């Protein structure tokens, strides 16, 4: 496979993976926002330490 074709193939695969990742992040953001809310994380991290 010549270098130009190989570069085109790798670029196409990379573009497809980036597209799926972007769309997956857009779809998953509202779902994960409800499960992993900042107030929940803050409440767990700011738990008082008993002596």
PDB file of N, CA and C in Angstrom:
ATOM      1  N   UNK A   1       0.861  -1.178   0.000  1.00  0.00           N
ATOM      2  CA  UNK A   1       0.000   0.000   0.000  1.00  0.00           C
ATOM      3  C   UNK A   1       0.906   1.239   0.000  1.00  0.00           C
ATOM      4  N   UNK A   2       0.769   2.097  -0.974  1.00  0.00           N
ATOM      5  CA  UNK A   2       1.602   3.305  -1.012  1.00  0.00           C
ATOM      6  C   UNK A   2       1.344   4.212   0.195  1.00  0.00           C
ATOM      7  N   UNK A   3       2.296   5.057   0.464  1.00  0.00           N
ATOM      8  CA  UNK A   3       2.214   5.925   1.640  1.00  0.00           C
ATOM      9  C   UNK A   3       0.998   6.846   1.604  1.00  0.00           C
ATOM     10  N   UNK A   4       0.642   7.340   0.413  1.00  0.00           N
ATOM     11  CA  UNK A   4      -0.489   8.255   0.312  1.00  0.00           C
ATOM     12  C   UNK A   4      -1.803   7.549   0.654  1.00  0.00           C
ATOM     13  N   UNK A   5      -1.948   6.318   0.187  1.00  0.00           N
ATOM     14  CA  UNK A   5      -3.163   5.555   0.505  1.00  0.00           C
ATOM     15  C   UNK A   5      -3.204   5.189   1.986  1.00  0.00           C
ATOM     16  N   UNK A   6      -2.059   4.835   2.533  1.00  0.00           N
ATOM     17  CA  UNK A   6      -1.995   4.479   3.948  1.00  0.00           C
ATOM     18  C   UNK A   6      -2.331   5.695   4.818  1.00  0.00           C
ATOM     19  N   UNK A   7      -1.817   6.844   4.452  1.00  0.00           N
ATOM     20  CA  UNK A   7      -2.117   8.069   5.194  1.00  0.00           C
ATOM     21  C   UNK A   7      -3.601   8.401   5.102  1.00  0.00           C
ATOM     22  N   UNK A   8      -4.187   8.221   3.939  1.00  0.00           N
ATOM     23  CA  UNK A   8      -5.617   8.470   3.760  1.00  0.00           C
ATOM     24  C   UNK A   8      -6.443   7.509   4.607  1.00  0.00           C
ATOM     25  N   UNK A   9      -6.051   6.235   4.641  1.00  0.00           N
ATOM     26  CA  UNK A   9      -6.766   5.237   5.435  1.00  0.00           C
ATOM     27  C   UNK A   9      -6.670   5.557   6.932  1.00  0.00           C
ATOM     28  N   UNK A  10      -5.478   5.872   7.410  1.00  0.00           N
ATOM     29  CA  UNK A  10      -5.302   6.213   8.830  1.00  0.00           C
ATOM     30  C   UNK A  10      -6.063   7.481   9.188  1.00  0.00           C
ATOM     31  N   UNK A  11      -6.065   8.449   8.295  1.00  0.00           N
ATOM     32  CA  UNK A  11      -6.812   9.681   8.538  1.00  0.00           C
ATOM     33  C   UNK A  11      -8.312   9.436   8.584  1.00  0.00           C
ATOM     34  N   UNK A  12      -8.788   8.587   7.709  1.00  0.00           N
ATOM     35  CA  UNK A  12     -10.219   8.270   7.700  1.00  0.00           C
ATOM     36  C   UNK A  12     -10.629   7.527   8.968  1.00  0.00           C
ATOM     37  N   UNK A  13      -9.814   6.579   9.396  1.00  0.00           N
ATOM     38  CA  UNK A  13     -10.109   5.840  10.627  1.00  0.00           C
ATOM     39  C   UNK A  13     -10.059   6.770  11.824  1.00  0.00           C
ATOM     40  N   UNK A  14      -9.068   7.644  11.868  1.00  0.00           N
ATOM     41  CA  UNK A  14      -8.966   8.606  12.966  1.00  0.00           C
ATOM     42  C   UNK A  14     -10.149   9.564  12.998  1.00  0.00           C
ATOM     43  N   UNK A  15     -10.582  10.002  11.836  1.00  0.00           N
ATOM     44  CA  UNK A  15     -11.736  10.896  11.765  1.00  0.00           C
ATOM     45  C   UNK A  15     -12.996  10.195  12.238  1.00  0.00           C
ATOM     46  N   UNK A  16     -13.169   8.930  11.848  1.00  0.00           N
ATOM     47  CA  UNK A  16     -14.345   8.169  12.278  1.00  0.00           C
ATOM     48  C   UNK A  16     -14.331   7.960  13.787  1.00  0.00           C
ATOM     49  N   UNK A  17     -13.183   7.622  14.355  1.00  0.00           N
ATOM     50  CA  UNK A  17     -13.090   7.438  15.809  1.00  0.00           C
ATOM     51  C   UNK A  17     -13.355   8.736  16.559  1.00  0.00           C
ATOM     52  N   UNK A  18     -12.822   9.845  16.064  1.00  0.00           N
ATOM     53  CA  UNK A  18     -13.069  11.131  16.705  1.00  0.00           C
ATOM     54  C   UNK A  18     -14.544  11.509  16.619  1.00  0.00           C
ATOM     55  N   UNK A  19     -15.182  11.205  15.500  1.00  0.00           N
ATOM     56  CA  UNK A  19     -16.609  11.507  15.346  1.00  0.00           C
ATOM     57  C   UNK A  19     -17.449  10.689  16.312  1.00  0.00           C
ATOM     58  N   UNK A  20     -17.165   9.389  16.415  1.00  0.00           N
ATOM     59  CA  UNK A  20     -17.902   8.546  17.356  1.00  0.00           C
ATOM     60  C   UNK A  20     -17.668   9.002  18.796  1.00  0.00           C
ATOM     61  N   UNK A  21     -16.451   9.393  19.110  1.00  0.00           N
ATOM     62  CA  UNK A  21     -16.157   9.865  20.465  1.00  0.00           C
ATOM     63  C   UNK A  21     -16.900  11.149  20.794  1.00  0.00           C
ATOM     64  N   UNK A  22     -16.946  12.067  19.853  1.00  0.00           N
ATOM     65  CA  UNK A  22     -17.646  13.329  20.078  1.00  0.00           C
ATOM     66  C   UNK A  22     -19.143  13.106  20.243  1.00  0.00           C
ATOM     67  N   UNK A  23     -19.732  12.313  19.378  1.00  0.00           N
ATOM     68  CA  UNK A  23     -21.165  12.041  19.476  1.00  0.00           C
ATOM     69  C   UNK A  23     -21.471  11.254  20.745  1.00  0.00           C
ATOM     70  N   UNK A  24     -20.602  10.308  21.101  1.00  0.00           N
ATOM     71  CA  UNK A  24     -20.787   9.560  22.345  1.00  0.00           C
ATOM     72  C   UNK A  24     -20.729  10.460  23.565  1.00  0.00           C
ATOM     73  N   UNK A  25     -19.824  11.429  23.567  1.00  0.00           N
ATOM     74  CA  UNK A  25     -19.725  12.358  24.692  1.00  0.00           C
ATOM     75  C   UNK A  25     -20.961  13.249  24.771  1.00  0.00           C
ATOM     76  N   UNK A  26     -21.470  13.685  23.628  1.00  0.00           N
ATOM     77  CA  UNK A  26     -22.667  14.531  23.627  1.00  0.00           C
ATOM     78  C   UNK A  26     -23.875  13.749  24.133  1.00  0.00           C
ATOM     79  N   UNK A  27     -23.969  12.478  23.749  1.00  0.00           N
ATOM     80  CA  UNK A  27     -25.099  11.655  24.191  1.00  0.00           C
ATOM     81  C   UNK A  27     -24.949  11.286  25.671  1.00  0.00           C
ATOM     82  N   UNK A  28     -23.740  10.973  26.110  1.00  0.00           N
ATOM     83  CA  UNK A  28     -23.530  10.497  27.479  1.00  0.00           C
ATOM     84  C   UNK A  28     -23.552  11.622  28.508  1.00  0.00           C
ATOM     85  N   UNK A  29     -23.297  12.853  28.116  1.00  0.00           N
ATOM     86  CA  UNK A  29     -23.207  13.957  29.072  1.00  0.00           C
ATOM     87  C   UNK A  29     -24.480  14.126  29.895  1.00  0.00           C
ATOM     88  N   UNK A  30     -25.670  14.164  29.312  1.00  0.00           N
ATOM     89  CA  UNK A  30     -26.866  14.307  30.147  1.00  0.00           C
ATOM     90  C   UNK A  30     -27.107  13.091  31.041  1.00  0.00           C
ATOM     91  N   UNK A  31     -26.747  11.910  30.550  1.00  0.00           N
ATOM     92  CA  UNK A  31     -26.944  10.703  31.352  1.00  0.00           C
ATOM     93  C   UNK A  31     -25.979  10.657  32.527  1.00  0.00           C
ATOM     94  N   UNK A  32     -24.733  10.988  32.283  1.00  0.00           N
ATOM     95  CA  UNK A  32     -23.746  10.963  33.358  1.00  0.00           C
ATOM     96  C   UNK A  32     -23.900  12.146  34.304  1.00  0.00           C
ATOM     97  N   UNK A  33     -24.446  13.244  33.824  1.00  0.00           N
ATOM     98  CA  UNK A  33     -24.654  14.408  34.681  1.00  0.00           C
ATOM     99  C   UNK A  33     -25.615  14.107  35.817  1.00  0.00           C
ATOM    100  N   UNK A  34     -26.620  13.282  35.558  1.00  0.00           N
ATOM    101  CA  UNK A  34     -27.583  12.927  36.596  1.00  0.00           C
ATOM    102  C   UNK A  34     -26.979  11.948  37.596  1.00  0.00           C
ATOM    103  N   UNK A  35     -26.117  11.075  37.134  1.00  0.00           N
ATOM    104  CA  UNK A  35     -25.531  10.066  38.012  1.00  0.00           C
ATOM    105  C   UNK A  35     -24.372  10.629  38.823  1.00  0.00           C
ATOM    106  N   UNK A  36     -23.521  11.412  38.182  1.00  0.00           N
ATOM    107  CA  UNK A  36     -22.303  11.906  38.823  1.00  0.00           C
ATOM    108  C   UNK A  36     -22.383  13.425  38.910  1.00  0.00           C
ATOM    109  N   UNK A  37     -23.210  13.903  39.829  1.00  0.00           N
ATOM    110  CA  UNK A  37     -23.406  15.332  39.959  1.00  0.00           C
ATOM    111  C   UNK A  37     -22.307  15.931  40.838  1.00  0.00           C
ATOM    112  N   UNK A  38     -21.951  17.192  40.638  1.00  0.00           N
ATOM    113  CA  UNK A  38     -20.900  17.825  41.441  1.00  0.00           C
ATOM    114  C   UNK A  38     -21.249  17.876  42.932  1.00  0.00           C
ATOM    115  N   UNK A  39     -22.517  18.045  43.284  1.00  0.00           N
ATOM    116  CA  UNK A  39     -22.871  18.104  44.700  1.00  0.00           C
ATOM    117  C   UNK A  39     -22.623  16.761  45.376  1.00  0.00           C
ATOM    118  N   UNK A  40     -22.862  15.671  44.672  1.00  0.00           N
ATOM    119  CA  UNK A  40     -22.612  14.338  45.220  1.00  0.00           C
ATOM    120  C   UNK A  40     -21.119  14.134  45.456  1.00  0.00           C
ATOM    121  N   UNK A  41     -20.304  14.511  44.488  1.00  0.00           N
ATOM    122  CA  UNK A  41     -18.861  14.358  44.614  1.00  0.00           C
ATOM    123  C   UNK A  41     -18.322  15.252  45.717  1.00  0.00           C
ATOM    124  N   UNK A  42     -18.802  16.486  45.791  1.00  0.00           N
ATOM    125  CA  UNK A  42     -18.349  17.413  46.823  1.00  0.00           C
ATOM    126  C   UNK A  42     -18.740  16.908  48.204  1.00  0.00           C
ATOM    127  N   UNK A  43     -19.932  16.352  48.322  1.00  0.00           N
ATOM    128  CA  UNK A  43     -20.376  15.840  49.618  1.00  0.00           C
ATOM    129  C   UNK A  43     -19.487  14.688  50.076  1.00  0.00           C
ATOM    130  N   UNK A  44     -19.050  13.869  49.161  1.00  0.00           N
ATOM    131  CA  UNK A  44     -18.187  12.757  49.543  1.00  0.00           C
ATOM    132  C   UNK A  44     -16.785  13.231  49.901  1.00  0.00           C
ATOM    133  N   UNK A  45     -16.289  14.236  49.202  1.00  0.00           N
ATOM    134  CA  UNK A  45     -14.913  14.679  49.431  1.00  0.00           C
ATOM    135  C   UNK A  45     -14.796  15.616  50.638  1.00  0.00           C
ATOM    136  N   UNK A  46     -15.853  16.279  51.040  1.00  0.00           N
ATOM    137  CA  UNK A  46     -15.772  17.226  52.146  1.00  0.00           C
ATOM    138  C   UNK A  46     -16.364  16.665  53.440  1.00  0.00           C
ATOM    139  N   UNK A  47     -16.364  15.372  53.556  1.00  0.00           N
ATOM    140  CA  UNK A  47     -16.853  14.712  54.768  1.00  0.00           C
ATOM    141  C   UNK A  47     -15.903  15.044  55.915  1.00  0.00           C
ATOM    142  N   UNK A  48     -16.442  15.476  57.066  1.00  0.00           N
ATOM    143  CA  UNK A  48     -15.538  15.844  58.177  1.00  0.00           C
ATOM    144  C   UNK A  48     -14.753  14.627  58.693  1.00  0.00           C
ATOM    145  N   UNK A  49     -13.530  14.894  59.049  1.00  0.00           N
ATOM    146  CA  UNK A  49     -12.649  13.840  59.563  1.00  0.00           C
ATOM    147  C   UNK A  49     -12.765  13.823  61.080  1.00  0.00           C
ATOM    148  N   UNK A  50     -13.152  12.695  61.634  1.00  0.00           N
ATOM    149  CA  UNK A  50     -13.291  12.596  63.093  1.00  0.00           C
ATOM    150  C   UNK A  50     -11.943  12.202  63.700  1.00  0.00           C
ATOM    151  N   UNK A  51     -11.648  12.779  64.876  1.00  0.00           N
ATOM    152  CA  UNK A  51     -10.359  12.492  65.536  1.00  0.00           C
ATOM    153  C   UNK A  51     -10.520  11.477  66.623  1.00  0.00           C
TER     154      UNK A  51
END
